[in-house]
């Protein structure tokens, strides 16, 4: 018979009997306390992070994001069924193969699985999940850039979309010579291989509208403007026409590098 080492055998006598009762109650209460609950595995992440966590080899496991939602999942082959809750954005994993109850080892355990997660706020993660002997598991991925303090700022994907949209609006307005709010238009400066038409200056971008020869190349034109080029657009050549074409070079003051 197993005896709890913390519960000593009581002595005899009335006073000792009272003490024994107290010890007995303490031992029973101690034995009735539940074991420690499995803690949520919190993974600190950044965009494109490679993460790893343990999941249950026998029960259901949950993967969730803090202040974000999983929007898409690409998975590697593995011994788990993966269910995506489109409303909450959480993932639920169920092992396809179960442990052998008669074995102390991981015989029949599901193989590890790798998930590539894309989030609603534009982040991506690579998550490797290792089966473990536990009834269930919860994994929480936390990215400071997706936290409440970051809600005032657009996500990386939204910022990229906004930038592209603004560049497209500016080029379109400059080509059509339609005034765009926030931009002042002035006479442009000519340069080698280009005849200036107008310069549109805004808080973030400056559009240089010019006429270039029919053989002009966007890459060469960007190099002539040096650093800070955000976009280059040249009108398509017209069949049988060798005259000048309209071009727009958009620069961003203080930005290094070129993007076409």
Protein backbone atom coordinates (compact mmCIF):
# COMPACT_ATOMS: atom_id res chain seq x y z
CA UNK A 1 0.00 0.00 0.00
CA UNK A 2 1.32 3.42 -0.99
CA UNK A 3 1.60 6.02 1.75
CA UNK A 4 1.97 9.70 1.20
CA UNK A 5 5.31 10.61 2.78
CA UNK A 6 3.88 13.93 3.92
CA UNK A 7 1.19 12.18 6.03
CA UNK A 8 2.75 10.63 9.12
CA UNK A 9 0.97 7.96 11.16
CA UNK A 10 -0.88 9.59 14.11
CA UNK A 11 0.04 8.89 17.72
CA UNK A 12 -2.42 7.41 20.20
CA UNK A 13 -4.41 9.30 22.85
CA UNK A 14 -7.14 11.96 22.88
CA UNK A 15 -4.86 14.88 22.02
CA UNK A 16 -3.02 12.80 19.50
CA UNK A 17 -6.37 11.72 18.03
CA UNK A 18 -7.34 15.35 17.41
CA UNK A 19 -4.00 15.98 15.76
CA UNK A 20 -4.46 12.85 13.67
CA UNK A 21 -7.83 14.12 12.47
CA UNK A 22 -6.29 17.40 11.39
CA UNK A 23 -3.51 15.57 9.57
CA UNK A 24 -6.04 13.25 7.95
CA UNK A 25 -8.13 16.15 6.67
CA UNK A 26 -5.00 17.87 5.35
CA UNK A 27 -3.88 14.73 3.57
CA UNK A 28 -7.29 14.13 2.02
CA UNK A 29 -7.49 17.76 0.88
CA UNK A 30 -3.99 17.57 -0.56
CA UNK A 31 -4.82 14.40 -2.43
CA UNK A 32 -8.00 15.94 -3.86
CA UNK A 33 -6.22 18.91 -5.43
CA UNK A 34 -6.14 18.70 -9.22
CA UNK A 35 -2.84 18.47 -11.03
CA UNK A 36 -1.41 21.55 -12.76
CA UNK A 37 -3.26 22.42 -15.94
CA UNK A 38 -1.31 22.43 -19.16
CA UNK A 39 -0.24 26.00 -19.85
CA UNK A 40 -1.01 27.72 -23.11
CA UNK A 41 2.08 27.82 -25.29
CA UNK A 42 2.57 31.47 -26.19
CA UNK A 43 4.89 32.07 -29.13
CA UNK A 44 6.28 35.56 -29.67
CA UNK A 45 6.49 36.20 -33.39
CA UNK A 46 7.35 38.70 -36.09
CA UNK A 47 6.37 38.67 -39.74
CA UNK A 48 7.77 35.60 -41.58
CA UNK A 49 8.79 33.99 -38.26
CA UNK A 50 9.57 30.26 -38.04
CA UNK A 51 7.88 28.86 -34.92
CA UNK A 52 7.63 25.51 -33.16
CA UNK A 53 5.20 24.11 -30.57
CA UNK A 54 3.87 20.83 -29.16
CA UNK A 55 0.38 19.47 -29.87
CA UNK A 56 -1.54 16.53 -28.49
CA UNK A 57 -0.84 13.14 -30.06
CA UNK A 58 -4.24 11.85 -28.88
CA UNK A 59 -6.62 14.80 -28.40
CA UNK A 60 -7.72 18.00 -30.07
CA UNK A 61 -5.32 20.95 -30.18
CA UNK A 62 -6.03 24.59 -30.94
CA UNK A 63 -3.88 27.23 -32.66
CA UNK A 64 -4.94 30.88 -32.36
CA UNK A 65 -3.55 34.37 -32.91
CA UNK A 66 -3.58 37.28 -30.49
CA UNK A 67 -5.24 40.40 -31.95
CA UNK A 68 -5.39 38.80 -35.39
CA UNK A 69 -7.07 35.93 -37.26
CA UNK A 70 -5.75 33.16 -39.48
CA UNK A 71 -7.09 33.74 -42.97
CA UNK A 72 -5.43 30.94 -44.97
CA UNK A 73 -3.51 27.76 -44.21
CA UNK A 74 -1.13 25.71 -46.32
CA UNK A 75 -0.06 22.47 -44.67
CA UNK A 76 2.52 19.77 -45.20
CA UNK A 77 1.50 16.10 -45.27
CA UNK A 78 1.10 14.84 -41.71
CA UNK A 79 -1.02 12.70 -39.43
CA UNK A 80 -3.50 15.42 -38.48
CA UNK A 81 -6.85 16.63 -39.71
CA UNK A 82 -6.82 20.43 -39.70
CA UNK A 83 -10.07 22.39 -39.39
CA UNK A 84 -10.12 26.16 -39.92
CA UNK A 85 -12.85 28.17 -38.22
CA UNK A 86 -13.40 30.97 -40.70
CA UNK A 87 -15.26 33.11 -38.15
CA UNK A 88 -12.79 33.04 -35.26
CA UNK A 89 -9.77 32.32 -37.45
CA UNK A 90 -8.63 29.53 -35.10
CA UNK A 91 -7.27 26.15 -36.17
CA UNK A 92 -8.21 22.80 -34.63
CA UNK A 93 -5.99 19.77 -35.12
CA UNK A 94 -7.12 16.17 -34.60
CA UNK A 95 -4.64 13.30 -34.83
CA UNK A 96 -5.45 10.73 -37.49
CA UNK A 97 -3.43 8.01 -35.76
CA UNK A 98 -3.67 7.33 -32.01
CA UNK A 99 -1.10 6.11 -29.52
CA UNK A 100 -0.98 2.42 -28.69
CA UNK A 101 -2.40 2.25 -25.10
CA UNK A 102 -0.34 -0.86 -24.36
CA UNK A 103 2.90 0.84 -25.28
CA UNK A 104 4.95 3.35 -23.31
CA UNK A 105 6.42 4.77 -26.50
CA UNK A 106 5.07 6.83 -29.35
CA UNK A 107 4.07 3.79 -31.43
CA UNK A 108 1.39 4.81 -33.90
CA UNK A 109 1.72 8.50 -33.06
CA UNK A 110 0.96 11.01 -35.81
CA UNK A 111 3.91 12.47 -37.62
CA UNK A 112 4.87 16.15 -37.16
CA UNK A 113 3.14 18.71 -39.34
CA UNK A 114 4.20 22.09 -40.72
CA UNK A 115 1.69 24.88 -41.32
CA UNK A 116 2.19 28.07 -43.30
CA UNK A 117 -0.23 30.65 -41.94
CA UNK A 118 -1.42 33.86 -43.58
CA UNK A 119 -3.21 36.30 -41.29
CA UNK A 120 -5.96 38.84 -41.75
CA UNK A 121 -3.54 41.66 -40.91
CA UNK A 122 -1.04 40.61 -43.58
CA UNK A 123 1.51 38.59 -41.58
CA UNK A 124 2.85 35.13 -42.46
CA UNK A 125 4.26 32.44 -40.16
CA UNK A 126 5.80 28.99 -40.53
CA UNK A 127 4.60 26.80 -37.65
CA UNK A 128 6.08 23.35 -36.96
CA UNK A 129 3.95 21.21 -34.63
CA UNK A 130 5.43 18.21 -32.79
CA UNK A 131 3.10 15.49 -31.36
CA UNK A 132 3.41 15.03 -27.60
CA UNK A 133 1.79 12.83 -24.94
CA UNK A 134 -0.81 15.23 -23.53
CA UNK A 135 -4.61 15.24 -23.58
CA UNK A 136 -4.87 18.55 -25.43
CA UNK A 137 -2.80 21.60 -26.30
CA UNK A 138 -3.31 25.27 -27.03
CA UNK A 139 -0.90 27.41 -29.00
CA UNK A 140 -1.18 31.20 -29.07
CA UNK A 141 0.89 33.21 -31.54
CA UNK A 142 1.44 36.80 -30.45
CA UNK A 143 2.89 39.50 -32.70
CA UNK A 144 3.50 42.92 -31.15
CA UNK A 145 2.88 44.52 -34.54
CA UNK A 146 -0.67 43.15 -34.44
CA UNK A 147 -1.37 44.23 -30.85
CA UNK A 148 -3.88 46.86 -29.69
CA UNK A 149 -1.21 49.57 -29.86
CA UNK A 150 -0.65 48.73 -33.52
CA UNK A 151 -4.33 48.93 -34.45
CA UNK A 152 -3.89 52.61 -35.26
CA UNK A 153 -1.42 51.66 -37.97
CA UNK A 154 -2.36 49.78 -41.16
CA UNK A 155 -1.03 46.27 -41.62
CA UNK A 156 1.99 45.68 -43.92
CA UNK A 157 -0.31 44.38 -46.64
CA UNK A 158 -2.63 47.39 -46.30
CA UNK A 159 0.34 49.74 -46.43
CA UNK A 160 1.57 48.12 -49.64
CA UNK A 161 -1.90 48.31 -51.17
CA UNK A 162 -2.29 51.96 -50.17
CA UNK A 163 1.11 52.86 -51.62
CA UNK A 164 0.42 51.17 -54.95
CA UNK A 165 -3.01 52.77 -55.14
CA UNK A 166 -1.59 56.24 -54.48
CA UNK A 167 1.14 55.79 -57.11
CA UNK A 168 -1.41 54.62 -59.68
CA UNK A 169 -3.73 57.56 -58.95
CA UNK A 170 -0.86 60.02 -59.28
CA UNK A 171 0.43 58.62 -62.58
CA UNK A 172 -3.08 58.46 -64.02
CA UNK A 173 -3.86 62.05 -63.03
CA UNK A 174 -0.54 63.33 -64.39
CA UNK A 175 -1.01 61.59 -67.74
CA UNK A 176 -4.57 62.86 -68.10
CA UNK A 177 -3.57 66.24 -66.69
CA UNK A 178 -6.40 66.04 -64.19
CA UNK A 179 -5.74 67.98 -60.99
CA UNK A 180 -5.24 65.80 -57.91
CA UNK A 181 -5.88 67.06 -54.38
CA UNK A 182 -2.68 67.62 -52.41
CA UNK A 183 -0.43 68.19 -55.42
CA UNK A 184 0.95 71.47 -56.73
CA UNK A 185 1.78 71.56 -60.46
CA UNK A 186 4.72 73.56 -61.80
CA UNK A 187 6.83 73.72 -64.95
CA UNK A 188 9.23 70.79 -65.14
CA UNK A 189 12.96 70.75 -65.84
CA UNK A 190 14.30 69.10 -68.95
CA UNK A 191 17.25 66.74 -68.90
CA UNK A 192 19.28 64.43 -71.16
CA UNK A 193 16.94 62.51 -73.46
CA UNK A 194 13.79 64.04 -72.03
CA UNK A 195 11.69 67.15 -72.55
CA UNK A 196 9.99 68.28 -69.35
CA UNK A 197 6.30 69.04 -69.32
CA UNK A 198 5.19 69.33 -65.68
CA UNK A 199 6.23 68.49 -62.12
CA UNK A 200 3.61 67.45 -59.59
CA UNK A 201 4.72 67.92 -55.98
CA UNK A 202 2.92 66.34 -53.04
CA UNK A 203 3.63 65.58 -49.40
CA UNK A 204 5.08 62.13 -50.19
CA UNK A 205 5.59 61.83 -53.94
CA UNK A 206 6.77 64.02 -56.81
CA UNK A 207 5.72 63.13 -60.35
CA UNK A 208 7.90 64.28 -63.25
CA UNK A 209 5.91 64.34 -66.50
CA UNK A 210 8.01 64.45 -69.67
CA UNK A 211 8.26 63.52 -73.31
CA UNK A 212 10.88 60.90 -74.20
CA UNK A 213 12.01 59.40 -77.49
CA UNK A 214 10.34 56.25 -78.78
CA UNK A 215 13.27 54.03 -77.74
CA UNK A 216 13.27 55.15 -74.11
CA UNK A 217 13.66 52.42 -71.49
CA UNK A 218 12.11 52.61 -68.02
CA UNK A 219 15.22 51.23 -66.31
CA UNK A 220 17.53 53.70 -67.99
CA UNK A 221 15.16 56.54 -67.17
CA UNK A 222 15.06 55.53 -63.51
CA UNK A 223 18.87 55.46 -63.36
CA UNK A 224 19.06 58.98 -64.74
CA UNK A 225 16.91 60.22 -61.86
CA UNK A 226 19.15 58.46 -59.34
CA UNK A 227 17.97 57.31 -55.92
CA UNK A 228 14.46 57.73 -54.59
CA UNK A 229 12.56 56.52 -57.67
CA UNK A 230 9.25 54.93 -56.64
CA UNK A 231 7.69 54.26 -60.06
CA UNK A 232 8.31 54.75 -63.79
CA UNK A 233 5.62 54.71 -66.47
CA UNK A 234 6.10 55.12 -70.23
CA UNK A 235 3.26 55.20 -72.74
CA UNK A 236 3.10 52.19 -75.05
CA UNK A 237 4.56 52.81 -78.53
CA UNK A 238 2.11 53.34 -81.34
CA UNK A 239 2.52 51.15 -84.45
CA UNK A 240 4.37 53.00 -87.18
CA UNK A 241 4.95 56.07 -84.98
CA UNK A 242 8.53 57.06 -84.12
CA UNK A 243 7.86 60.31 -82.35
CA UNK A 244 8.07 61.06 -78.63
CA UNK A 245 6.10 59.25 -75.93
CA UNK A 246 4.79 60.54 -72.61
CA UNK A 247 6.59 59.25 -69.51
CA UNK A 248 6.09 59.77 -65.78
CA UNK A 249 8.80 59.24 -63.18
CA UNK A 250 7.62 59.33 -59.56
CA UNK A 251 10.22 60.07 -56.90
CA UNK A 252 9.97 59.93 -53.13
CA UNK A 253 12.22 62.42 -51.32
CA UNK A 254 14.55 60.76 -48.85
CA UNK A 255 13.98 57.26 -50.18
CA UNK A 256 16.99 55.29 -51.37
CA UNK A 257 16.76 52.72 -54.14
CA UNK A 258 14.54 52.37 -57.17
CA UNK A 259 11.25 50.60 -57.71
CA UNK A 260 9.61 50.36 -61.06
